[in-house]
Amino acid sequence: MWKEKQMAPRIETFAWRLLWNALATGKRAGKYSKHISENCPTCGSLEDEIHLFFLRHFAKAAWYSHPWYIKTEFTSQHNCSIPQMIQALLTSHHPHINIIYLYTFLWCIWKARNDARFCRKLSTPPQLYAATMVIMHGSNMELAASSRIGVTSLFSSSTMLHDASVQGHQRKGHADQQIAPTPGRTINGISAISCPIIFLDAVWSPHPHGGPVAASLGIFIQFRGDRCCSQLCISAISPPATSAIQAEVFSLMLSSYIAGTLQIQQATFLTECATLASEAVSQNVTLAPGHWSIRPQLAQIAASTTFEPSRL
């Protein structure tokens, strides 16, 4: 578990506490305070780890939602402890389950329980998988940035600033000179980007019986300062999409809207979809026709008040 570099640190800590029975469930915390109920607040059953993560109504709905479709009440009949349940899920040959996804999804269930119990913040079961994907992709992007793995620059407003001060800065021959990436091109790391960075991604799987399927969208915003780095993770569900490229363009629409709402200036947008990057930076449909299914969304993005062609 500790060797998984793609696992977020908070997920590693949570997994360690889960396996060593160190989580403050109702059953465990109720032994130390009479003000804490040992029972589940939604169904009244004793709240232990198995009930919290697999048997309460919210957890069962989350496990049976897309893309898991797992009935945990049946699995728990033959596995009465957390290690046994985790081992059973990892060896079930489910196409979407591995150790990182599993512990991250369990952490999202734990967080949703705490938000509902202590902050009165309610979540829906499908939101948990979207939150899982955001955490996963945020960890992957941080790992890629530290390893200088190439990602694609979607567009950068800083590249379109033509004032004399920026041009003079680009002509400097210092070794530590920062050169902004070319729109629509692949870059080798993000160290040269000094402005706010917005990572965007979408996870889409085709429906087994055909038809459009909603995608999980993840937006990761990073603000750099002289001595600190602020980060913001946003998860969402897209409208029904018919292809992966359409799901990616939905993430661009959401990113553009968020950038305008938060008034983020001179932001650089990064995506792993080179096709979307090349189509979004082109303003000529004849020269770069792109995929027909994303033309309405690209037109909507270009026509929105939060998006200006000069920022490409």
C-alpha atoms as a PDB file:
ATOM      1  CA  MET A   1       0.000   0.000   0.000  1.00  0.00           C
ATOM      2  CA  TRP A   2       2.749   2.461   0.940  1.00  0.00           C
ATOM      3  CA  LYS A   3       4.563   1.629  -2.315  1.00  0.00           C
ATOM      4  CA  GLU A   4       1.711   2.911  -4.479  1.00  0.00           C
ATOM      5  CA  LYS A   5       2.974   6.278  -5.723  1.00  0.00           C
ATOM      6  CA  GLN A   6      -0.332   7.081  -7.419  1.00  0.00           C
ATOM      7  CA  MET A   7      -2.248   6.855  -4.136  1.00  0.00           C
ATOM      8  CA  ALA A   8      -2.875  10.193  -2.457  1.00  0.00           C
ATOM      9  CA  PRO A   9      -1.272  10.565   1.011  1.00  0.00           C
ATOM     10  CA  ARG A  10      -4.628  11.030   2.735  1.00  0.00           C
ATOM     11  CA  ILE A  11      -5.860   7.822   1.105  1.00  0.00           C
ATOM     12  CA  GLU A  12      -2.812   5.931   2.370  1.00  0.00           C
ATOM     13  CA  THR A  13      -3.422   7.184   5.913  1.00  0.00           C
ATOM     14  CA  PHE A  14      -7.088   6.272   5.692  1.00  0.00           C
ATOM     15  CA  ALA A  15      -6.291   2.782   4.374  1.00  0.00           C
ATOM     16  CA  TRP A  16      -3.832   2.166   7.209  1.00  0.00           C
ATOM     17  CA  ARG A  17      -6.411   3.223   9.813  1.00  0.00           C
ATOM     18  CA  LEU A  18      -9.096   1.132   8.129  1.00  0.00           C
ATOM     19  CA  LEU A  19      -7.018  -2.035   8.129  1.00  0.00           C
ATOM     20  CA  TRP A  20      -5.879  -1.511  11.733  1.00  0.00           C
ATOM     21  CA  ASN A  21      -9.408  -0.802  13.036  1.00  0.00           C
ATOM     22  CA  ALA A  22      -8.540   2.773  13.947  1.00  0.00           C
ATOM     23  CA  LEU A  23     -11.458   4.629  12.345  1.00  0.00           C
ATOM     24  CA  ALA A  24     -13.889   6.440  14.613  1.00  0.00           C
ATOM     25  CA  THR A  25     -16.992   4.502  13.656  1.00  0.00           C
ATOM     26  CA  GLY A  26     -20.105   4.760  15.795  1.00  0.00           C
ATOM     27  CA  LYS A  27     -19.385   1.418  17.467  1.00  0.00           C
ATOM     28  CA  ARG A  28     -15.823   2.362  18.351  1.00  0.00           C
ATOM     29  CA  ALA A  29     -16.343   6.026  19.260  1.00  0.00           C
ATOM     30  CA  GLY A  30     -19.458   5.224  21.308  1.00  0.00           C
ATOM     31  CA  LYS A  31     -17.338   3.241  23.759  1.00  0.00           C
ATOM     32  CA  TYR A  32     -15.495   6.395  24.818  1.00  0.00           C
ATOM     33  CA  SER A  33     -18.347   8.888  24.997  1.00  0.00           C
ATOM     34  CA  LYS A  34     -21.963   8.515  25.988  1.00  0.00           C
ATOM     35  CA  HIS A  35     -22.805  11.468  23.743  1.00  0.00           C
ATOM     36  CA  ILE A  36     -21.882   9.482  20.613  1.00  0.00           C
ATOM     37  CA  SER A  37     -24.399   6.930  19.399  1.00  0.00           C
ATOM     38  CA  GLU A  38     -23.107   3.518  18.410  1.00  0.00           C
ATOM     39  CA  ASN A  39     -25.899   3.115  15.881  1.00  0.00           C
ATOM     40  CA  CYS A  40     -26.136   4.256  12.281  1.00  0.00           C
ATOM     41  CA  PRO A  41     -28.090   7.547  12.082  1.00  0.00           C
ATOM     42  CA  THR A  42     -29.967   6.449   8.950  1.00  0.00           C
ATOM     43  CA  CYS A  43     -31.097   2.896   9.757  1.00  0.00           C
ATOM     44  CA  GLY A  44     -30.383   2.423  13.465  1.00  0.00           C
ATOM     45  CA  SER A  45     -28.115  -0.614  13.040  1.00  0.00           C
ATOM     46  CA  LEU A  46     -24.797  -0.926  14.857  1.00  0.00           C
ATOM     47  CA  GLU A  47     -22.292   1.123  12.880  1.00  0.00           C
ATOM     48  CA  ASP A  48     -19.160  -0.935  12.417  1.00  0.00           C
ATOM     49  CA  GLU A  49     -16.823  -0.916   9.414  1.00  0.00           C
ATOM     50  CA  ILE A  50     -18.737  -3.540   7.434  1.00  0.00           C
ATOM     51  CA  HIS A  51     -22.035  -1.741   7.929  1.00  0.00           C
ATOM     52  CA  LEU A  52     -20.609   1.711   7.227  1.00  0.00           C
ATOM     53  CA  PHE A  53     -18.793   0.858   3.985  1.00  0.00           C
ATOM     54  CA  PHE A  54     -20.895  -1.967   2.559  1.00  0.00           C
ATOM     55  CA  LEU A  55     -24.299  -2.561   4.188  1.00  0.00           C
ATOM     56  CA  ARG A  56     -25.988   0.750   4.929  1.00  0.00           C
ATOM     57  CA  HIS A  57     -28.390   1.989   2.264  1.00  0.00           C
ATOM     58  CA  PHE A  58     -26.127   4.770   0.969  1.00  0.00           C
ATOM     59  CA  ALA A  59     -23.100   2.474   0.668  1.00  0.00           C
ATOM     60  CA  LYS A  60     -25.080  -0.260  -1.106  1.00  0.00           C
ATOM     61  CA  ALA A  61     -26.435   2.294  -3.579  1.00  0.00           C
ATOM     62  CA  ALA A  62     -22.934   3.638  -4.188  1.00  0.00           C
ATOM     63  CA  TRP A  63     -21.505   0.182  -4.852  1.00  0.00           C
ATOM     64  CA  TYR A  64     -24.362  -0.680  -7.210  1.00  0.00           C
ATOM     65  CA  SER A  65     -24.034   2.543  -9.216  1.00  0.00           C
ATOM     66  CA  HIS A  66     -21.949   2.966 -12.357  1.00  0.00           C
ATOM     67  CA  PRO A  67     -19.397   1.497 -12.993  1.00  0.00           C
ATOM     68  CA  TRP A  68     -19.307  -0.980 -10.100  1.00  0.00           C
ATOM     69  CA  TYR A  69     -22.735  -2.696 -10.164  1.00  0.00           C
ATOM     70  CA  ILE A  70     -21.722  -4.757  -7.107  1.00  0.00           C
ATOM     71  CA  LYS A  71     -24.259  -6.082  -4.597  1.00  0.00           C
ATOM     72  CA  THR A  72     -22.198  -5.865  -1.436  1.00  0.00           C
ATOM     73  CA  GLU A  73     -24.903  -7.458   0.710  1.00  0.00           C
ATOM     74  CA  PHE A  74     -24.168 -10.757  -1.038  1.00  0.00           C
ATOM     75  CA  THR A  75     -20.388 -10.396  -0.815  1.00  0.00           C
ATOM     76  CA  SER A  76     -20.526  -9.602   2.903  1.00  0.00           C
ATOM     77  CA  GLN A  77     -22.359 -12.846   3.656  1.00  0.00           C
ATOM     78  CA  HIS A  78     -19.127 -14.807   3.201  1.00  0.00           C
ATOM     79  CA  ASN A  79     -16.678 -12.066   4.248  1.00  0.00           C
ATOM     80  CA  CYS A  80     -17.293 -10.704   7.722  1.00  0.00           C
ATOM     81  CA  SER A  81     -14.251  -8.432   8.109  1.00  0.00           C
ATOM     82  CA  ILE A  82     -12.767  -5.512   6.235  1.00  0.00           C
ATOM     83  CA  PRO A  83      -9.594  -7.366   5.095  1.00  0.00           C
ATOM     84  CA  GLN A  84     -11.736 -10.235   3.806  1.00  0.00           C
ATOM     85  CA  MET A  85     -14.052  -7.870   1.947  1.00  0.00           C
ATOM     86  CA  ILE A  86     -11.130  -6.011   0.382  1.00  0.00           C
ATOM     87  CA  GLN A  87      -9.476  -9.273  -0.622  1.00  0.00           C
ATOM     88  CA  ALA A  88     -12.726 -10.522  -2.129  1.00  0.00           C
ATOM     89  CA  LEU A  89     -13.170  -7.345  -4.173  1.00  0.00           C
ATOM     90  CA  LEU A  90      -9.562  -7.289  -5.362  1.00  0.00           C
ATOM     91  CA  THR A  91      -9.761 -10.922  -6.498  1.00  0.00           C
ATOM     92  CA  SER A  92     -13.175 -10.575  -8.150  1.00  0.00           C
ATOM     93  CA  HIS A  93     -11.590  -9.682 -11.521  1.00  0.00           C
ATOM     94  CA  HIS A  94     -13.799  -6.606 -11.755  1.00  0.00           C
ATOM     95  CA  PRO A  95     -12.518  -4.425 -14.641  1.00  0.00           C
ATOM     96  CA  HIS A  96     -12.654  -1.215 -12.585  1.00  0.00           C
ATOM     97  CA  ILE A  97     -11.215  -2.447  -9.291  1.00  0.00           C
ATOM     98  CA  ASN A  98      -7.613  -2.195  -8.210  1.00  0.00           C
ATOM     99  CA  ILE A  99      -6.071  -1.330  -4.874  1.00  0.00           C
ATOM    100  CA  ILE A 100      -5.861   2.408  -5.580  1.00  0.00           C
ATOM    101  CA  TYR A 101      -9.412   2.794  -6.897  1.00  0.00           C
ATOM    102  CA  LEU A 102     -10.782   0.630  -4.092  1.00  0.00           C
ATOM    103  CA  TYR A 103      -9.247   2.548  -1.200  1.00  0.00           C
ATOM    104  CA  THR A 104     -10.004   5.903  -2.816  1.00  0.00           C
ATOM    105  CA  PHE A 105     -13.664   4.933  -3.231  1.00  0.00           C
ATOM    106  CA  LEU A 106     -13.826   3.739   0.375  1.00  0.00           C
ATOM    107  CA  TRP A 107     -12.347   7.072   1.479  1.00  0.00           C
ATOM    108  CA  CYS A 108     -15.065   8.895  -0.477  1.00  0.00           C
ATOM    109  CA  ILE A 109     -17.715   6.832   1.340  1.00  0.00           C
ATOM    110  CA  TRP A 110     -16.073   7.723   4.654  1.00  0.00           C
ATOM    111  CA  LYS A 111     -15.983  11.420   3.763  1.00  0.00           C
ATOM    112  CA  ALA A 112     -19.609  11.416   2.611  1.00  0.00           C
ATOM    113  CA  ARG A 113     -20.602   9.817   5.932  1.00  0.00           C
ATOM    114  CA  ASN A 114     -18.701  12.452   7.933  1.00  0.00           C
ATOM    115  CA  ASP A 115     -20.076  15.315   5.848  1.00  0.00           C
ATOM    116  CA  ALA A 116     -23.634  14.107   6.400  1.00  0.00           C
ATOM    117  CA  ARG A 117     -23.162  13.403  10.109  1.00  0.00           C
ATOM    118  CA  PHE A 118     -21.193  16.463  11.192  1.00  0.00           C
ATOM    119  CA  CYS A 119     -21.666  19.104   8.474  1.00  0.00           C
ATOM    120  CA  ARG A 120     -25.194  18.258   7.297  1.00  0.00           C
ATOM    121  CA  LYS A 121     -23.832  18.065   3.762  1.00  0.00           C
ATOM    122  CA  LEU A 122     -25.580  15.386   1.760  1.00  0.00           C
ATOM    123  CA  SER A 123     -24.136  13.559  -1.224  1.00  0.00           C
ATOM    124  CA  THR A 124     -25.624  11.232  -3.797  1.00  0.00           C
ATOM    125  CA  PRO A 125     -24.158   7.775  -4.521  1.00  0.00           C
ATOM    126  CA  PRO A 126     -23.132   8.573  -8.152  1.00  0.00           C
ATOM    127  CA  GLN A 127     -21.099  11.542  -6.901  1.00  0.00           C
ATOM    128  CA  LEU A 128     -18.713   9.239  -5.057  1.00  0.00           C
ATOM    129  CA  TYR A 129     -17.288   7.702  -8.209  1.00  0.00           C
ATOM    130  CA  ALA A 130     -16.842  11.158  -9.748  1.00  0.00           C
ATOM    131  CA  ALA A 131     -15.005  12.288  -6.620  1.00  0.00           C
ATOM    132  CA  THR A 132     -12.861   9.141  -6.791  1.00  0.00           C
ATOM    133  CA  MET A 133     -11.854   9.906 -10.360  1.00  0.00           C
ATOM    134  CA  VAL A 134     -10.976  13.501  -9.490  1.00  0.00           C
ATOM    135  CA  ILE A 135      -8.669  12.369  -6.684  1.00  0.00           C
ATOM    136  CA  MET A 136      -7.117   9.714  -8.893  1.00  0.00           C
ATOM    137  CA  HIS A 137      -6.463  12.045 -11.790  1.00  0.00           C
ATOM    138  CA  GLY A 138      -5.202  14.777  -9.487  1.00  0.00           C
ATOM    139  CA  SER A 139      -2.654  12.360  -8.047  1.00  0.00           C
ATOM    140  CA  ASN A 140      -1.669  11.193 -11.535  1.00  0.00           C
ATOM    141  CA  MET A 141      -1.208  14.753 -12.740  1.00  0.00           C
ATOM    142  CA  GLU A 142       0.916  15.667  -9.748  1.00  0.00           C
ATOM    143  CA  LEU A 143       3.029  12.567 -10.361  1.00  0.00           C
ATOM    144  CA  ALA A 144       3.315  13.411 -14.046  1.00  0.00           C
ATOM    145  CA  ALA A 145       4.318  16.973 -13.243  1.00  0.00           C
ATOM    146  CA  SER A 146       7.026  15.882 -10.834  1.00  0.00           C
ATOM    147  CA  SER A 147       8.331  13.358 -13.365  1.00  0.00           C
ATOM    148  CA  ARG A 148       8.094  15.837 -16.234  1.00  0.00           C
ATOM    149  CA  ILE A 149       5.824  13.547 -18.204  1.00  0.00           C
ATOM    150  CA  GLY A 150       4.431  15.249 -21.300  1.00  0.00           C
ATOM    151  CA  VAL A 151       0.960  16.663 -21.125  1.00  0.00           C
ATOM    152  CA  THR A 152      -0.854  18.673 -23.739  1.00  0.00           C
ATOM    153  CA  SER A 153      -1.343  22.395 -23.387  1.00  0.00           C
ATOM    154  CA  LEU A 154      -4.861  23.284 -24.417  1.00  0.00           C
ATOM    155  CA  PHE A 155      -4.582  27.017 -24.399  1.00  0.00           C
ATOM    156  CA  SER A 156      -2.854  29.756 -22.514  1.00  0.00           C
ATOM    157  CA  SER A 157      -3.812  33.361 -22.321  1.00  0.00           C
ATOM    158  CA  SER A 158      -0.280  34.325 -21.457  1.00  0.00           C
ATOM    159  CA  THR A 159       0.906  33.300 -24.937  1.00  0.00           C
ATOM    160  CA  MET A 160      -1.367  35.919 -26.499  1.00  0.00           C
ATOM    161  CA  LEU A 161      -0.127  38.880 -24.503  1.00  0.00           C
ATOM    162  CA  HIS A 162       1.682  41.089 -26.978  1.00  0.00           C
ATOM    163  CA  ASP A 163       2.676  43.982 -24.793  1.00  0.00           C
ATOM    164  CA  ALA A 164       6.241  45.123 -24.871  1.00  0.00           C
ATOM    165  CA  SER A 165       7.104  43.877 -21.413  1.00  0.00           C
ATOM    166  CA  VAL A 166       6.205  40.270 -22.218  1.00  0.00           C
ATOM    167  CA  GLN A 167       8.002  40.371 -25.550  1.00  0.00           C
ATOM    168  CA  GLY A 168      11.042  41.785 -23.864  1.00  0.00           C
ATOM    169  CA  HIS A 169      10.951  39.018 -21.289  1.00  0.00           C
ATOM    170  CA  GLN A 170      10.799  36.370 -24.028  1.00  0.00           C
ATOM    171  CA  ARG A 171      13.906  37.814 -25.686  1.00  0.00           C
ATOM    172  CA  LYS A 172      15.996  37.448 -22.581  1.00  0.00           C
ATOM    173  CA  GLY A 173      18.720  34.862 -22.739  1.00  0.00           C
ATOM    174  CA  HIS A 174      18.770  33.818 -19.121  1.00  0.00           C
ATOM    175  CA  ALA A 175      19.067  30.136 -18.387  1.00  0.00           C
ATOM    176  CA  ASP A 176      16.064  30.248 -16.112  1.00  0.00           C
ATOM    177  CA  GLN A 177      13.842  31.902 -18.702  1.00  0.00           C
ATOM    178  CA  GLN A 178      10.236  30.675 -18.666  1.00  0.00           C
ATOM    179  CA  ILE A 179       8.717  30.157 -22.130  1.00  0.00           C
ATOM    180  CA  ALA A 180       4.962  29.722 -22.337  1.00  0.00           C
ATOM    181  CA  PRO A 181       3.753  26.628 -24.218  1.00  0.00           C
ATOM    182  CA  THR A 182       2.365  26.835 -27.739  1.00  0.00           C
ATOM    183  CA  PRO A 183      -1.412  26.399 -27.809  1.00  0.00           C
ATOM    184  CA  GLY A 184      -2.520  22.937 -28.843  1.00  0.00           C
ATOM    185  CA  ARG A 185       0.955  21.437 -28.487  1.00  0.00           C
ATOM    186  CA  THR A 186       2.495  18.879 -26.138  1.00  0.00           C
ATOM    187  CA  ILE A 187       4.798  20.090 -23.392  1.00  0.00           C
ATOM    188  CA  ASN A 188       7.323  18.234 -21.251  1.00  0.00           C
ATOM    189  CA  GLY A 189       6.259  19.253 -17.771  1.00  0.00           C
ATOM    190  CA  ILE A 190       4.669  22.347 -16.258  1.00  0.00           C
ATOM    191  CA  SER A 191       7.689  23.998 -14.651  1.00  0.00           C
ATOM    192  CA  ALA A 192       7.762  26.665 -17.366  1.00  0.00           C
ATOM    193  CA  ILE A 193       4.169  27.741 -16.666  1.00  0.00           C
ATOM    194  CA  SER A 194       4.003  30.517 -14.099  1.00  0.00           C
ATOM    195  CA  CYS A 195       0.326  31.395 -14.413  1.00  0.00           C
ATOM    196  CA  PRO A 196      -2.584  29.470 -12.792  1.00  0.00           C
ATOM    197  CA  ILE A 197      -2.991  25.974 -14.193  1.00  0.00           C
ATOM    198  CA  ILE A 198      -6.273  24.173 -14.790  1.00  0.00           C
ATOM    199  CA  PHE A 199      -6.110  20.434 -15.429  1.00  0.00           C
ATOM    200  CA  LEU A 200      -9.239  18.972 -16.986  1.00  0.00           C
ATOM    201  CA  ASP A 201     -10.201  15.389 -17.668  1.00  0.00           C
ATOM    202  CA  ALA A 202     -13.209  13.189 -18.259  1.00  0.00           C
ATOM    203  CA  VAL A 203     -13.861   9.489 -17.731  1.00  0.00           C
ATOM    204  CA  TRP A 204     -16.413   7.934 -20.054  1.00  0.00           C
ATOM    205  CA  SER A 205     -17.351   4.307 -20.648  1.00  0.00           C
ATOM    206  CA  PRO A 206     -19.737   3.157 -23.387  1.00  0.00           C
ATOM    207  CA  HIS A 207     -23.047   1.702 -22.323  1.00  0.00           C
ATOM    208  CA  PRO A 208     -23.209  -2.076 -22.859  1.00  0.00           C
ATOM    209  CA  HIS A 209     -26.515  -1.686 -24.720  1.00  0.00           C
ATOM    210  CA  GLY A 210     -25.548   1.470 -26.609  1.00  0.00           C
ATOM    211  CA  GLY A 211     -26.801   5.010 -26.203  1.00  0.00           C
ATOM    212  CA  PRO A 212     -25.361   8.089 -24.465  1.00  0.00           C
ATOM    213  CA  VAL A 213     -23.812   7.772 -21.012  1.00  0.00           C
ATOM    214  CA  ALA A 214     -22.929  10.476 -18.497  1.00  0.00           C
ATOM    215  CA  ALA A 215     -19.217  10.962 -17.862  1.00  0.00           C
ATOM    216  CA  SER A 216     -17.284  11.783 -14.705  1.00  0.00           C
ATOM    217  CA  LEU A 217     -15.591  15.154 -14.986  1.00  0.00           C
ATOM    218  CA  GLY A 218     -12.581  16.233 -12.986  1.00  0.00           C
ATOM    219  CA  ILE A 219     -11.195  19.772 -12.732  1.00  0.00           C
ATOM    220  CA  PHE A 220      -7.951  20.391 -10.856  1.00  0.00           C
ATOM    221  CA  ILE A 221      -6.946  24.047 -10.380  1.00  0.00           C
ATOM    222  CA  GLN A 222      -3.531  25.025  -9.066  1.00  0.00           C
ATOM    223  CA  PHE A 223      -2.492  28.516  -7.971  1.00  0.00           C
ATOM    224  CA  ARG A 224       1.185  29.074  -7.427  1.00  0.00           C
ATOM    225  CA  GLY A 225       2.637  31.649  -5.085  1.00  0.00           C
ATOM    226  CA  ASP A 226       6.089  32.584  -3.906  1.00  0.00           C
ATOM    227  CA  ARG A 227       5.913  30.370  -0.832  1.00  0.00           C
ATOM    228  CA  CYS A 228       2.754  28.335  -1.198  1.00  0.00           C
ATOM    229  CA  CYS A 229       0.639  26.435  -3.707  1.00  0.00           C
ATOM    230  CA  SER A 230      -3.153  26.383  -3.432  1.00  0.00           C
ATOM    231  CA  GLN A 231      -5.146  23.621  -5.081  1.00  0.00           C
ATOM    232  CA  LEU A 232      -8.826  23.118  -5.814  1.00  0.00           C
ATOM    233  CA  CYS A 233     -10.459  19.854  -6.937  1.00  0.00           C
ATOM    234  CA  ILE A 234     -13.918  19.823  -8.522  1.00  0.00           C
ATOM    235  CA  SER A 235     -15.898  16.741  -9.524  1.00  0.00           C
ATOM    236  CA  ALA A 236     -19.050  16.725 -11.620  1.00  0.00           C
ATOM    237  CA  ILE A 237     -21.269  14.587 -13.806  1.00  0.00           C
ATOM    238  CA  SER A 238     -21.626  15.578 -17.460  1.00  0.00           C
ATOM    239  CA  PRO A 239     -24.746  15.451 -19.608  1.00  0.00           C
ATOM    240  CA  PRO A 240     -25.135  12.186 -21.530  1.00  0.00           C
ATOM    241  CA  ALA A 241     -22.244  11.818 -23.977  1.00  0.00           C
ATOM    242  CA  THR A 242     -22.000   9.568 -27.008  1.00  0.00           C
ATOM    243  CA  SER A 243     -18.200   9.387 -27.187  1.00  0.00           C
ATOM    244  CA  ALA A 244     -15.064   9.995 -25.174  1.00  0.00           C
ATOM    245  CA  ILE A 245     -14.187  13.145 -27.146  1.00  0.00           C
ATOM    246  CA  GLN A 246     -17.613  14.596 -26.363  1.00  0.00           C
ATOM    247  CA  ALA A 247     -17.059  13.892 -22.683  1.00  0.00           C
ATOM    248  CA  GLU A 248     -13.707  15.699 -22.892  1.00  0.00           C
ATOM    249  CA  VAL A 249     -15.298  18.767 -24.461  1.00  0.00           C
ATOM    250  CA  PHE A 250     -17.841  18.838 -21.627  1.00  0.00           C
ATOM    251  CA  SER A 251     -14.903  19.080 -19.209  1.00  0.00           C
ATOM    252  CA  LEU A 252     -13.573  22.032 -21.242  1.00  0.00           C
ATOM    253  CA  MET A 253     -16.956  23.735 -21.043  1.00  0.00           C
ATOM    254  CA  LEU A 254     -17.041  23.299 -17.288  1.00  0.00           C
ATOM    255  CA  SER A 255     -13.438  24.495 -16.910  1.00  0.00           C
ATOM    256  CA  SER A 256     -14.138  27.619 -18.951  1.00  0.00           C
ATOM    257  CA  TYR A 257     -17.231  28.355 -16.880  1.00  0.00           C
ATOM    258  CA  ILE A 258     -15.364  27.876 -13.602  1.00  0.00           C
ATOM    259  CA  ALA A 259     -12.500  30.085 -14.776  1.00  0.00           C
ATOM    260  CA  GLY A 260     -14.968  32.861 -15.579  1.00  0.00           C
ATOM    261  CA  THR A 261     -16.906  32.426 -12.334  1.00  0.00           C
ATOM    262  CA  LEU A 262     -13.767  32.502 -10.184  1.00  0.00           C
ATOM    263  CA  GLN A 263     -12.295  35.302 -12.328  1.00  0.00           C
ATOM    264  CA  ILE A 264      -9.088  33.388 -12.969  1.00  0.00           C
ATOM    265  CA  GLN A 265      -6.846  35.476 -15.191  1.00  0.00           C
ATOM    266  CA  GLN A 266      -4.089  34.246 -17.523  1.00  0.00           C
ATOM    267  CA  ALA A 267      -4.863  30.588 -16.886  1.00  0.00           C
ATOM    268  CA  THR A 268      -3.263  27.703 -18.742  1.00  0.00           C
ATOM    269  CA  PHE A 269      -5.574  24.787 -19.505  1.00  0.00           C
ATOM    270  CA  LEU A 270      -4.033  21.316 -19.699  1.00  0.00           C
ATOM    271  CA  THR A 271      -5.633  18.159 -21.079  1.00  0.00           C
ATOM    272  CA  GLU A 272      -4.485  14.691 -22.004  1.00  0.00           C
ATOM    273  CA  CYS A 273      -6.705  14.708 -25.125  1.00  0.00           C
ATOM    274  CA  ALA A 274      -4.560  15.958 -28.010  1.00  0.00           C
ATOM    275  CA  THR A 275      -7.523  15.828 -30.394  1.00  0.00           C
ATOM    276  CA  LEU A 276      -9.548  18.219 -28.279  1.00  0.00           C
ATOM    277  CA  ALA A 277      -6.544  20.518 -27.873  1.00  0.00           C
ATOM    278  CA  SER A 278      -5.919  20.820 -31.616  1.00  0.00           C
ATOM    279  CA  GLU A 279      -9.608  21.377 -32.410  1.00  0.00           C
ATOM    280  CA  ALA A 280     -10.240  23.885 -29.630  1.00  0.00           C
ATOM    281  CA  VAL A 281      -7.371  26.200 -30.585  1.00  0.00           C
ATOM    282  CA  SER A 282      -8.394  26.272 -34.248  1.00  0.00           C
ATOM    283  CA  GLN A 283     -10.922  28.906 -35.303  1.00  0.00           C
ATOM    284  CA  ASN A 284     -11.268  27.602 -38.870  1.00  0.00           C
ATOM    285  CA  VAL A 285     -13.632  24.682 -39.300  1.00  0.00           C
ATOM    286  CA  THR A 286     -12.466  24.143 -42.887  1.00  0.00           C
ATOM    287  CA  LEU A 287      -8.817  23.722 -41.929  1.00  0.00           C
ATOM    288  CA  ALA A 288      -9.546  21.705 -38.785  1.00  0.00           C
ATOM    289  CA  PRO A 289     -13.030  20.207 -39.102  1.00  0.00           C
ATOM    290  CA  GLY A 290     -12.661  17.960 -36.054  1.00  0.00           C
ATOM    291  CA  HIS A 291     -15.262  15.480 -34.948  1.00  0.00           C
ATOM    292  CA  TRP A 292     -18.815  16.374 -35.881  1.00  0.00           C
ATOM    293  CA  SER A 293     -20.194  15.519 -32.435  1.00  0.00           C
ATOM    294  CA  ILE A 294     -18.230  18.248 -30.622  1.00  0.00           C
ATOM    295  CA  ARG A 295     -18.868  21.150 -33.020  1.00  0.00           C
ATOM    296  CA  PRO A 296     -21.941  22.439 -31.112  1.00  0.00           C
ATOM    297  CA  GLN A 297     -20.052  22.380 -27.811  1.00  0.00           C
ATOM    298  CA  LEU A 298     -16.982  24.114 -29.289  1.00  0.00           C
ATOM    299  CA  ALA A 299     -19.223  26.773 -30.812  1.00  0.00           C
ATOM    300  CA  GLN A 300     -20.912  27.272 -27.459  1.00  0.00           C
ATOM    301  CA  ILE A 301     -17.545  27.640 -25.736  1.00  0.00           C
ATOM    302  CA  ALA A 302     -16.306  30.170 -28.303  1.00  0.00           C
ATOM    303  CA  ALA A 303     -19.534  32.186 -28.015  1.00  0.00           C
ATOM    304  CA  SER A 304     -19.668  32.250 -24.222  1.00  0.00           C
ATOM    305  CA  THR A 305     -18.804  35.382 -22.273  1.00  0.00           C
ATOM    306  CA  THR A 306     -16.236  33.506 -20.182  1.00  0.00           C
ATOM    307  CA  PHE A 307     -14.216  32.434 -23.219  1.00  0.00           C
ATOM    308  CA  GLU A 308     -12.327  34.699 -25.598  1.00  0.00           C
ATOM    309  CA  PRO A 309     -10.508  33.556 -28.723  1.00  0.00           C
ATOM    310  CA  SER A 310      -7.591  35.802 -27.760  1.00  0.00           C
ATOM    311  CA  ARG A 311      -6.951  33.494 -24.783  1.00  0.00           C
ATOM    312  CA  LEU A 312      -6.184  30.517 -26.995  1.00  0.00           C
END
